[in-house]
Full PDB file with SEQRES, HELIX, SHEET, SSBOND, CRYST1, ORIGX, SCALE, CONECT and MASTER records, all heavy atoms in Angstrom:
SEQRES   1 A   35  VAL GLY LEU GLY GLY LEU LEU THR GLU GLY TYR GLY ILE          
SEQRES   2 A   35  ALA GLU ALA GLU VAL ALA PRO LEU ARG ALA ARG LEU ASP          
SEQRES   3 A   35  ALA ILE ARG ASP SER VAL LEU ILE VAL                          
HELIX    1 AA1 GLY A    2  GLY A    5  1                                   4    
HELIX    2 AA2 LEU A    6  GLY A   10  3                                   5    
HELIX    3 AA3 TYR A   11  TYR A   11  1                                   1    
HELIX    4 AA4 GLU A   15  VAL A   18  1                                   4    
HELIX    5 AA5 ALA A   19  LEU A   21  5                                   3    
HELIX    6 AA6 ARG A   22  ALA A   27  1                                   6    
CRYST1    1.000    1.000    1.000  90.00  90.00  90.00 P 1           1          
ORIGX1      1.000000  0.000000  0.000000        0.00000                         
ORIGX2      0.000000  1.000000  0.000000        0.00000                         
ORIGX3      0.000000  0.000000  1.000000        0.00000                         
SCALE1      1.000000  0.000000  0.000000        0.00000                         
SCALE2      0.000000  1.000000  0.000000        0.00000                         
SCALE3      0.000000  0.000000  1.000000        0.00000                         
ATOM      1  N   VAL A   1       9.927  -1.979  -0.415  1.00  0.00           N  
ATOM      2  CA  VAL A   1       8.633  -2.240  -1.065  1.00  0.00           C  
ATOM      3  C   VAL A   1       7.570  -1.313  -0.506  1.00  0.00           C  
ATOM      4  O   VAL A   1       6.774  -0.757  -1.247  1.00  0.00           O  
ATOM      5  CB  VAL A   1       8.228  -3.719  -0.877  1.00  0.00           C  
ATOM      6  CG1 VAL A   1       6.837  -3.976  -1.405  1.00  0.00           C  
ATOM      7  CG2 VAL A   1       9.230  -4.634  -1.538  1.00  0.00           C  
ATOM      8  N   GLY A   2       7.541  -1.142   0.784  1.00  0.00           N  
ATOM      9  CA  GLY A   2       6.549  -0.292   1.432  1.00  0.00           C  
ATOM     10  C   GLY A   2       5.157  -0.906   1.396  1.00  0.00           C  
ATOM     11  O   GLY A   2       4.911  -1.910   0.716  1.00  0.00           O  
ATOM     12  N   LEU A   3       4.257  -0.303   2.122  1.00  0.00           N  
ATOM     13  CA  LEU A   3       2.888  -0.805   2.195  1.00  0.00           C  
ATOM     14  C   LEU A   3       2.187  -0.693   0.843  1.00  0.00           C  
ATOM     15  O   LEU A   3       1.458  -1.596   0.425  1.00  0.00           O  
ATOM     16  CB  LEU A   3       2.117  -0.049   3.280  1.00  0.00           C  
ATOM     17  CG  LEU A   3       0.741  -0.565   3.649  1.00  0.00           C  
ATOM     18  CD1 LEU A   3       0.765  -2.054   3.996  1.00  0.00           C  
ATOM     19  CD2 LEU A   3       0.170   0.235   4.806  1.00  0.00           C  
ATOM     20  N   GLY A   4       2.441   0.396   0.126  1.00  0.00           N  
ATOM     21  CA  GLY A   4       1.852   0.555  -1.207  1.00  0.00           C  
ATOM     22  C   GLY A   4       2.289  -0.549  -2.152  1.00  0.00           C  
ATOM     23  O   GLY A   4       1.497  -1.114  -2.908  1.00  0.00           O  
ATOM     24  N   GLY A   5       3.576  -0.890  -2.120  1.00  0.00           N  
ATOM     25  CA  GLY A   5       4.098  -1.972  -2.954  1.00  0.00           C  
ATOM     26  C   GLY A   5       3.526  -3.316  -2.574  1.00  0.00           C  
ATOM     27  O   GLY A   5       3.219  -4.147  -3.436  1.00  0.00           O  
ATOM     28  N   LEU A   6       3.358  -3.543  -1.273  1.00  0.00           N  
ATOM     29  CA  LEU A   6       2.748  -4.799  -0.825  1.00  0.00           C  
ATOM     30  C   LEU A   6       1.334  -4.932  -1.370  1.00  0.00           C  
ATOM     31  O   LEU A   6       0.930  -6.007  -1.830  1.00  0.00           O  
ATOM     32  CB  LEU A   6       2.729  -4.868   0.701  1.00  0.00           C  
ATOM     33  CG  LEU A   6       1.991  -6.080   1.288  1.00  0.00           C  
ATOM     34  CD1 LEU A   6       2.724  -7.370   0.976  1.00  0.00           C  
ATOM     35  CD2 LEU A   6       1.785  -5.926   2.783  1.00  0.00           C  
ATOM     36  N   LEU A   7       0.591  -3.843  -1.336  1.00  0.00           N  
ATOM     37  CA  LEU A   7      -0.794  -3.903  -1.821  1.00  0.00           C  
ATOM     38  C   LEU A   7      -0.862  -4.149  -3.324  1.00  0.00           C  
ATOM     39  O   LEU A   7      -1.731  -4.900  -3.789  1.00  0.00           O  
ATOM     40  CB  LEU A   7      -1.541  -2.628  -1.441  1.00  0.00           C  
ATOM     41  CG  LEU A   7      -1.791  -2.479   0.072  1.00  0.00           C  
ATOM     42  CD1 LEU A   7      -2.249  -1.072   0.408  1.00  0.00           C  
ATOM     43  CD2 LEU A   7      -2.790  -3.504   0.563  1.00  0.00           C  
ATOM     44  N   THR A   8       0.039  -3.560  -4.092  1.00  0.00           N  
ATOM     45  CA  THR A   8       0.002  -3.784  -5.545  1.00  0.00           C  
ATOM     46  C   THR A   8       0.576  -5.141  -5.903  1.00  0.00           C  
ATOM     47  O   THR A   8      -0.034  -5.887  -6.670  1.00  0.00           O  
ATOM     48  CB  THR A   8       0.775  -2.686  -6.316  1.00  0.00           C  
ATOM     49  OG1 THR A   8       2.106  -2.617  -5.841  1.00  0.00           O  
ATOM     50  CG2 THR A   8       0.089  -1.345  -6.196  1.00  0.00           C  
ATOM     51  N   GLU A   9       1.710  -5.488  -5.335  1.00  0.00           N  
ATOM     52  CA  GLU A   9       2.377  -6.741  -5.698  1.00  0.00           C  
ATOM     53  C   GLU A   9       1.797  -7.954  -4.978  1.00  0.00           C  
ATOM     54  O   GLU A   9       1.696  -9.029  -5.558  1.00  0.00           O  
ATOM     55  CB  GLU A   9       3.879  -6.646  -5.405  1.00  0.00           C  
ATOM     56  CG  GLU A   9       4.587  -5.574  -6.197  1.00  0.00           C  
ATOM     57  CD  GLU A   9       4.522  -5.804  -7.699  1.00  0.00           C  
ATOM     58  OE1 GLU A   9       4.660  -6.954  -8.140  1.00  0.00           O  
ATOM     59  OE2 GLU A   9       4.319  -4.811  -8.432  1.00  0.00           O  
ATOM     60  N   GLY A  10       1.453  -7.794  -3.721  1.00  0.00           N  
ATOM     61  CA  GLY A  10       0.993  -8.933  -2.933  1.00  0.00           C  
ATOM     62  C   GLY A  10      -0.508  -9.157  -2.926  1.00  0.00           C  
ATOM     63  O   GLY A  10      -0.976 -10.274  -2.727  1.00  0.00           O  
ATOM     64  N   TYR A  11      -1.263  -8.091  -3.121  1.00  0.00           N  
ATOM     65  CA  TYR A  11      -2.723  -8.213  -3.048  1.00  0.00           C  
ATOM     66  C   TYR A  11      -3.415  -7.931  -4.371  1.00  0.00           C  
ATOM     67  O   TYR A  11      -4.640  -7.979  -4.453  1.00  0.00           O  
ATOM     68  CB  TYR A  11      -3.271  -7.285  -1.953  1.00  0.00           C  
ATOM     69  CG  TYR A  11      -2.968  -7.783  -0.569  1.00  0.00           C  
ATOM     70  CD1 TYR A  11      -1.775  -7.463   0.058  1.00  0.00           C  
ATOM     71  CD2 TYR A  11      -3.861  -8.615   0.107  1.00  0.00           C  
ATOM     72  CE1 TYR A  11      -1.475  -7.944   1.317  1.00  0.00           C  
ATOM     73  CE2 TYR A  11      -3.568  -9.098   1.364  1.00  0.00           C  
ATOM     74  CZ  TYR A  11      -2.369  -8.763   1.968  1.00  0.00           C  
ATOM     75  OH  TYR A  11      -2.084  -9.251   3.213  1.00  0.00           O  
ATOM     76  N   GLY A  12      -2.664  -7.586  -5.395  1.00  0.00           N  
ATOM     77  CA  GLY A  12      -3.255  -7.391  -6.716  1.00  0.00           C  
ATOM     78  C   GLY A  12      -4.085  -6.133  -6.864  1.00  0.00           C  
ATOM     79  O   GLY A  12      -5.014  -6.081  -7.658  1.00  0.00           O  
ATOM     80  N   ILE A  13      -3.745  -5.093  -6.107  1.00  0.00           N  
ATOM     81  CA  ILE A  13      -4.436  -3.813  -6.243  1.00  0.00           C  
ATOM     82  C   ILE A  13      -3.764  -3.052  -7.397  1.00  0.00           C  
ATOM     83  O   ILE A  13      -2.542  -3.023  -7.501  1.00  0.00           O  
ATOM     84  CB  ILE A  13      -4.336  -2.971  -4.946  1.00  0.00           C  
ATOM     85  CG1 ILE A  13      -4.761  -3.784  -3.714  1.00  0.00           C  
ATOM     86  CG2 ILE A  13      -5.128  -1.682  -5.071  1.00  0.00           C  
ATOM     87  CD1 ILE A  13      -6.184  -4.252  -3.705  1.00  0.00           C  
ATOM     88  N   ALA A  14      -4.565  -2.437  -8.244  1.00  0.00           N  
ATOM     89  CA  ALA A  14      -4.023  -1.698  -9.389  1.00  0.00           C  
ATOM     90  C   ALA A  14      -3.163  -0.532  -8.908  1.00  0.00           C  
ATOM     91  O   ALA A  14      -3.522   0.167  -7.951  1.00  0.00           O  
ATOM     92  CB  ALA A  14      -5.155  -1.183 -10.271  1.00  0.00           C  
ATOM     93  N   GLU A  15      -2.054  -0.323  -9.581  1.00  0.00           N  
ATOM     94  CA  GLU A  15      -1.163   0.788  -9.253  1.00  0.00           C  
ATOM     95  C   GLU A  15      -1.916   2.117  -9.305  1.00  0.00           C  
ATOM     96  O   GLU A  15      -1.702   2.987  -8.465  1.00  0.00           O  
ATOM     97  CB  GLU A  15       0.030   0.803 -10.212  1.00  0.00           C  
ATOM     98  CG  GLU A  15       0.973   1.964  -9.994  1.00  0.00           C  
ATOM     99  CD  GLU A  15       1.622   1.988  -8.619  1.00  0.00           C  
ATOM    100  OE1 GLU A  15       1.961   0.921  -8.087  1.00  0.00           O  
ATOM    101  OE2 GLU A  15       1.775   3.099  -8.065  1.00  0.00           O  
ATOM    102  N   ALA A  16      -2.823   2.258 -10.269  1.00  0.00           N  
ATOM    103  CA  ALA A  16      -3.585   3.506 -10.409  1.00  0.00           C  
ATOM    104  C   ALA A  16      -4.448   3.772  -9.173  1.00  0.00           C  
ATOM    105  O   ALA A  16      -4.708   4.928  -8.823  1.00  0.00           O  
ATOM    106  CB  ALA A  16      -4.469   3.450 -11.656  1.00  0.00           C  
ATOM    107  N   GLU A  17      -4.879   2.717  -8.494  1.00  0.00           N  
ATOM    108  CA  GLU A  17      -5.696   2.899  -7.292  1.00  0.00           C  
ATOM    109  C   GLU A  17      -4.836   3.215  -6.071  1.00  0.00           C  
ATOM    110  O   GLU A  17      -5.236   3.967  -5.190  1.00  0.00           O  
ATOM    111  CB  GLU A  17      -6.552   1.649  -7.037  1.00  0.00           C  
ATOM    112  CG  GLU A  17      -7.559   1.864  -5.947  1.00  0.00           C  
ATOM    113  CD  GLU A  17      -8.680   0.842  -5.940  1.00  0.00           C  
ATOM    114  OE1 GLU A  17      -8.736  -0.032  -6.823  1.00  0.00           O  
ATOM    115  OE2 GLU A  17      -9.511   0.930  -5.022  1.00  0.00           O  
ATOM    116  N   VAL A  18      -3.645   2.652  -6.029  1.00  0.00           N  
ATOM    117  CA  VAL A  18      -2.753   2.872  -4.886  1.00  0.00           C  
ATOM    118  C   VAL A  18      -2.015   4.206  -5.001  1.00  0.00           C  
ATOM    119  O   VAL A  18      -1.740   4.862  -3.990  1.00  0.00           O  
ATOM    120  CB  VAL A  18      -1.748   1.697  -4.755  1.00  0.00           C  
ATOM    121  CG1 VAL A  18      -0.686   1.990  -3.714  1.00  0.00           C  
ATOM    122  CG2 VAL A  18      -2.484   0.408  -4.419  1.00  0.00           C  
ATOM    123  N   ALA A  19      -1.712   4.639  -6.219  1.00  0.00           N  
ATOM    124  CA  ALA A  19      -0.880   5.831  -6.447  1.00  0.00           C  
ATOM    125  C   ALA A  19      -1.306   7.055  -5.645  1.00  0.00           C  
ATOM    126  O   ALA A  19      -0.459   7.694  -5.001  1.00  0.00           O  
ATOM    127  CB  ALA A  19      -0.819   6.150  -7.941  1.00  0.00           C  
ATOM    128  N   PRO A  20      -2.604   7.431  -5.615  1.00  0.00           N  
ATOM    129  CA  PRO A  20      -2.966   8.630  -4.852  1.00  0.00           C  
ATOM    130  C   PRO A  20      -2.777   8.477  -3.338  1.00  0.00           C  
ATOM    131  O   PRO A  20      -2.702   9.459  -2.618  1.00  0.00           O  
ATOM    132  CB  PRO A  20      -4.448   8.848  -5.167  1.00  0.00           C  
ATOM    133  CG  PRO A  20      -4.817   7.880  -6.233  1.00  0.00           C  
ATOM    134  CD  PRO A  20      -3.727   6.883  -6.354  1.00  0.00           C  
ATOM    135  N   LEU A  21      -2.689   7.226  -2.867  1.00  0.00           N  
ATOM    136  CA  LEU A  21      -2.551   6.966  -1.429  1.00  0.00           C  
ATOM    137  C   LEU A  21      -1.131   6.572  -1.032  1.00  0.00           C  
ATOM    138  O   LEU A  21      -0.843   6.407   0.153  1.00  0.00           O  
ATOM    139  CB  LEU A  21      -3.489   5.818  -1.026  1.00  0.00           C  
ATOM    140  CG  LEU A  21      -4.970   5.959  -1.360  1.00  0.00           C  
ATOM    141  CD1 LEU A  21      -5.699   4.656  -1.117  1.00  0.00           C  
ATOM    142  CD2 LEU A  21      -5.577   7.075  -0.530  1.00  0.00           C  
ATOM    143  N   ARG A  22      -0.252   6.388  -2.030  1.00  0.00           N  
ATOM    144  CA  ARG A  22       1.064   5.797  -1.766  1.00  0.00           C  
ATOM    145  C   ARG A  22       1.851   6.546  -0.691  1.00  0.00           C  
ATOM    146  O   ARG A  22       2.400   5.924   0.222  1.00  0.00           O  
ATOM    147  CB  ARG A  22       1.879   5.686  -3.037  1.00  0.00           C  
ATOM    148  CG  ARG A  22       3.199   4.948  -2.799  1.00  0.00           C  
ATOM    149  CD  ARG A  22       3.949   4.675  -4.076  1.00  0.00           C  
ATOM    150  NE  ARG A  22       3.277   3.737  -4.942  1.00  0.00           N  
ATOM    151  CZ  ARG A  22       3.319   2.408  -4.808  1.00  0.00           C  
ATOM    152  NH1 ARG A  22       3.977   1.867  -3.799  1.00  0.00           N  
ATOM    153  NH2 ARG A  22       2.701   1.623  -5.670  1.00  0.00           N  
ATOM    154  N   ALA A  23       1.919   7.844  -0.753  1.00  0.00           N  
ATOM    155  CA  ALA A  23       2.702   8.600   0.232  1.00  0.00           C  
ATOM    156  C   ALA A  23       2.156   8.365   1.639  1.00  0.00           C  
ATOM    157  O   ALA A  23       2.926   8.147   2.584  1.00  0.00           O  
ATOM    158  CB  ALA A  23       2.691  10.091  -0.108  1.00  0.00           C  
ATOM    159  N   ARG A  24       0.848   8.400   1.772  1.00  0.00           N  
ATOM    160  CA  ARG A  24       0.226   8.166   3.080  1.00  0.00           C  
ATOM    161  C   ARG A  24       0.458   6.734   3.555  1.00  0.00           C  
ATOM    162  O   ARG A  24       0.788   6.499   4.722  1.00  0.00           O  
ATOM    163  CB  ARG A  24      -1.271   8.475   3.004  1.00  0.00           C  
ATOM    164  CG  ARG A  24      -1.923   8.502   4.377  1.00  0.00           C  
ATOM    165  CD  ARG A  24      -3.346   8.996   4.295  1.00  0.00           C  
ATOM    166  NE  ARG A  24      -4.213   7.834   4.460  1.00  0.00           N  
ATOM    167  CZ  ARG A  24      -5.443   7.741   4.033  1.00  0.00           C  
ATOM    168  NH1 ARG A  24      -5.985   8.730   3.372  1.00  0.00           N  
ATOM    169  NH2 ARG A  24      -6.155   6.686   4.246  1.00  0.00           N  
ATOM    170  N   LEU A  25       0.291   5.764   2.646  1.00  0.00           N  
ATOM    171  CA  LEU A  25       0.485   4.354   3.006  1.00  0.00           C  
ATOM    172  C   LEU A  25       1.932   4.085   3.410  1.00  0.00           C  
ATOM    173  O   LEU A  25       2.196   3.415   4.412  1.00  0.00           O  
ATOM    174  CB  LEU A  25       0.096   3.442   1.842  1.00  0.00           C  
ATOM    175  CG  LEU A  25      -1.384   3.366   1.491  1.00  0.00           C  
ATOM    176  CD1 LEU A  25      -1.590   2.647   0.170  1.00  0.00           C  
ATOM    177  CD2 LEU A  25      -2.166   2.674   2.597  1.00  0.00           C  
ATOM    178  N   ASP A  26       2.865   4.591   2.619  1.00  0.00           N  
ATOM    179  CA  ASP A  26       4.269   4.325   2.886  1.00  0.00           C  
ATOM    180  C   ASP A  26       4.795   5.084   4.104  1.00  0.00           C  
ATOM    181  O   ASP A  26       5.861   4.757   4.626  1.00  0.00           O  
ATOM    182  CB  ASP A  26       5.110   4.625   1.643  1.00  0.00           C  
ATOM    183  CG  ASP A  26       4.852   3.602   0.533  1.00  0.00           C  
ATOM    184  OD1 ASP A  26       4.265   2.532   0.826  1.00  0.00           O  
ATOM    185  OD2 ASP A  26       5.222   3.879  -0.625  1.00  0.00           O  
ATOM    186  N   ALA A  27       4.050   6.070   4.583  1.00  0.00           N  
ATOM    187  CA  ALA A  27       4.451   6.807   5.783  1.00  0.00           C  
ATOM    188  C   ALA A  27       4.020   6.087   7.068  1.00  0.00           C  
ATOM    189  O   ALA A  27       4.488   6.427   8.153  1.00  0.00           O  
ATOM    190  CB  ALA A  27       3.857   8.215   5.756  1.00  0.00           C  
ATOM    191  N   ILE A  28       3.160   5.097   6.953  1.00  0.00           N  
ATOM    192  CA  ILE A  28       2.673   4.369   8.134  1.00  0.00           C  
ATOM    193  C   ILE A  28       3.810   3.547   8.721  1.00  0.00           C  
ATOM    194  O   ILE A  28       4.474   2.794   8.015  1.00  0.00           O  
ATOM    195  CB  ILE A  28       1.466   3.472   7.769  1.00  0.00           C  
ATOM    196  CG1 ILE A  28       0.277   4.343   7.373  1.00  0.00           C  
ATOM    197  CG2 ILE A  28       1.111   2.545   8.929  1.00  0.00           C  
ATOM    198  CD1 ILE A  28      -0.918   3.556   6.851  1.00  0.00           C  
ATOM    199  N   ARG A  29       4.038   3.681  10.018  1.00  0.00           N  
ATOM    200  CA  ARG A  29       5.089   2.941  10.719  1.00  0.00           C  
ATOM    201  C   ARG A  29       4.517   1.928  11.696  1.00  0.00           C  
ATOM    202  O   ARG A  29       5.228   1.024  12.127  1.00  0.00           O  
ATOM    203  CB  ARG A  29       6.020   3.902  11.466  1.00  0.00           C  
ATOM    204  CG  ARG A  29       6.846   4.740  10.561  1.00  0.00           C  
ATOM    205  CD  ARG A  29       7.929   3.911   9.865  1.00  0.00           C  
ATOM    206  NE  ARG A  29       8.110   4.363   8.500  1.00  0.00           N  
ATOM    207  CZ  ARG A  29       7.956   3.605   7.417  1.00  0.00           C  
ATOM    208  NH1 ARG A  29       7.622   2.367   7.513  1.00  0.00           N  
ATOM    209  NH2 ARG A  29       8.160   4.085   6.211  1.00  0.00           N  
ATOM    210  N   ASP A  30       3.263   2.077  12.095  1.00  0.00           N  
ATOM    211  CA  ASP A  30       2.647   1.112  13.001  1.00  0.00           C  
ATOM    212  C   ASP A  30       2.103  -0.060  12.189  1.00  0.00           C  
ATOM    213  O   ASP A  30       1.888   0.039  10.983  1.00  0.00           O  
ATOM    214  CB  ASP A  30       1.505   1.765  13.790  1.00  0.00           C  
ATOM    215  CG  ASP A  30       2.007   2.779  14.802  1.00  0.00           C  
ATOM    216  OD1 ASP A  30       3.117   2.583  15.334  1.00  0.00           O  
ATOM    217  OD2 ASP A  30       1.295   3.776  15.045  1.00  0.00           O  
ATOM    218  N   SER A  31       1.861  -1.172  12.857  1.00  0.00           N  
ATOM    219  CA  SER A  31       1.314  -2.348  12.186  1.00  0.00           C  
ATOM    220  C   SER A  31      -0.057  -2.040  11.611  1.00  0.00           C  
ATOM    221  O   SER A  31      -0.781  -1.174  12.110  1.00  0.00           O  
ATOM    222  CB  SER A  31       1.194  -3.515  13.172  1.00  0.00           C  
ATOM    223  OG  SER A  31       2.474  -3.922  13.606  1.00  0.00           O  
ATOM    224  N   VAL A  32      -0.390  -2.754  10.543  1.00  0.00           N  
ATOM    225  CA  VAL A  32      -1.701  -2.612   9.924  1.00  0.00           C  
ATOM    226  C   VAL A  32      -2.367  -3.983   9.847  1.00  0.00           C  
ATOM    227  O   VAL A  32      -1.704  -5.016   9.827  1.00  0.00           O  
ATOM    228  CB  VAL A  32      -1.632  -1.989   8.512  1.00  0.00           C  
ATOM    229  CG1 VAL A  32      -1.136  -0.560   8.566  1.00  0.00           C  
ATOM    230  CG2 VAL A  32      -0.787  -2.818   7.582  1.00  0.00           C  
ATOM    231  N   LEU A  33      -3.686  -3.947   9.800  1.00  0.00           N  
ATOM    232  CA  LEU A  33      -4.492  -5.148   9.594  1.00  0.00           C  
ATOM    233  C   LEU A  33      -5.058  -5.042   8.187  1.00  0.00           C  
ATOM    234  O   LEU A  33      -5.702  -4.053   7.846  1.00  0.00           O  
ATOM    235  CB  LEU A  33      -5.635  -5.214  10.619  1.00  0.00           C  
ATOM    236  CG  LEU A  33      -6.658  -6.335  10.427  1.00  0.00           C  
ATOM    237  CD1 LEU A  33      -6.026  -7.700  10.672  1.00  0.00           C  
ATOM    238  CD2 LEU A  33      -7.846  -6.129  11.369  1.00  0.00           C  
ATOM    239  N   ILE A  34      -4.799  -6.061   7.365  1.00  0.00           N  
ATOM    240  CA  ILE A  34      -5.320  -6.093   6.000  1.00  0.00           C  
ATOM    241  C   ILE A  34      -6.368  -7.193   5.949  1.00  0.00           C  
ATOM    242  O   ILE A  34      -6.078  -8.356   6.246  1.00  0.00           O  
ATOM    243  CB  ILE A  34      -4.191  -6.344   4.979  1.00  0.00           C  
ATOM    244  CG1 ILE A  34      -3.126  -5.245   5.103  1.00  0.00           C  
ATOM    245  CG2 ILE A  34      -4.754  -6.404   3.566  1.00  0.00           C  
ATOM    246  CD1 ILE A  34      -1.894  -5.471   4.245  1.00  0.00           C  
ATOM    247  N   VAL A  35      -7.594  -6.803   5.605  1.00  0.00           N  
ATOM    248  CA  VAL A  35      -8.721  -7.733   5.610  1.00  0.00           C  
ATOM    249  C   VAL A  35      -9.261  -7.876   4.190  1.00  0.00           C  
ATOM    250  O   VAL A  35      -9.730  -6.903   3.594  1.00  0.00           O  
ATOM    251  CB  VAL A  35      -9.850  -7.234   6.548  1.00  0.00           C  
ATOM    252  CG1 VAL A  35     -10.989  -8.231   6.600  1.00  0.00           C  
ATOM    253  CG2 VAL A  35      -9.309  -6.968   7.946  1.00  0.00           C  
TER     254      VAL A  35                                                      
MASTER        0    0    0    6    0    0    0    6  253    1    0    3          
END                                                                             
């Protein structure tokens, strides 16, 4: 799923908004804080 998928599927972020960031988001290996 990756972080990008979590944001679209779990948090209701539009795919169009996540798409430009997906590679960067999915490359993150350290924990993240989602607020």
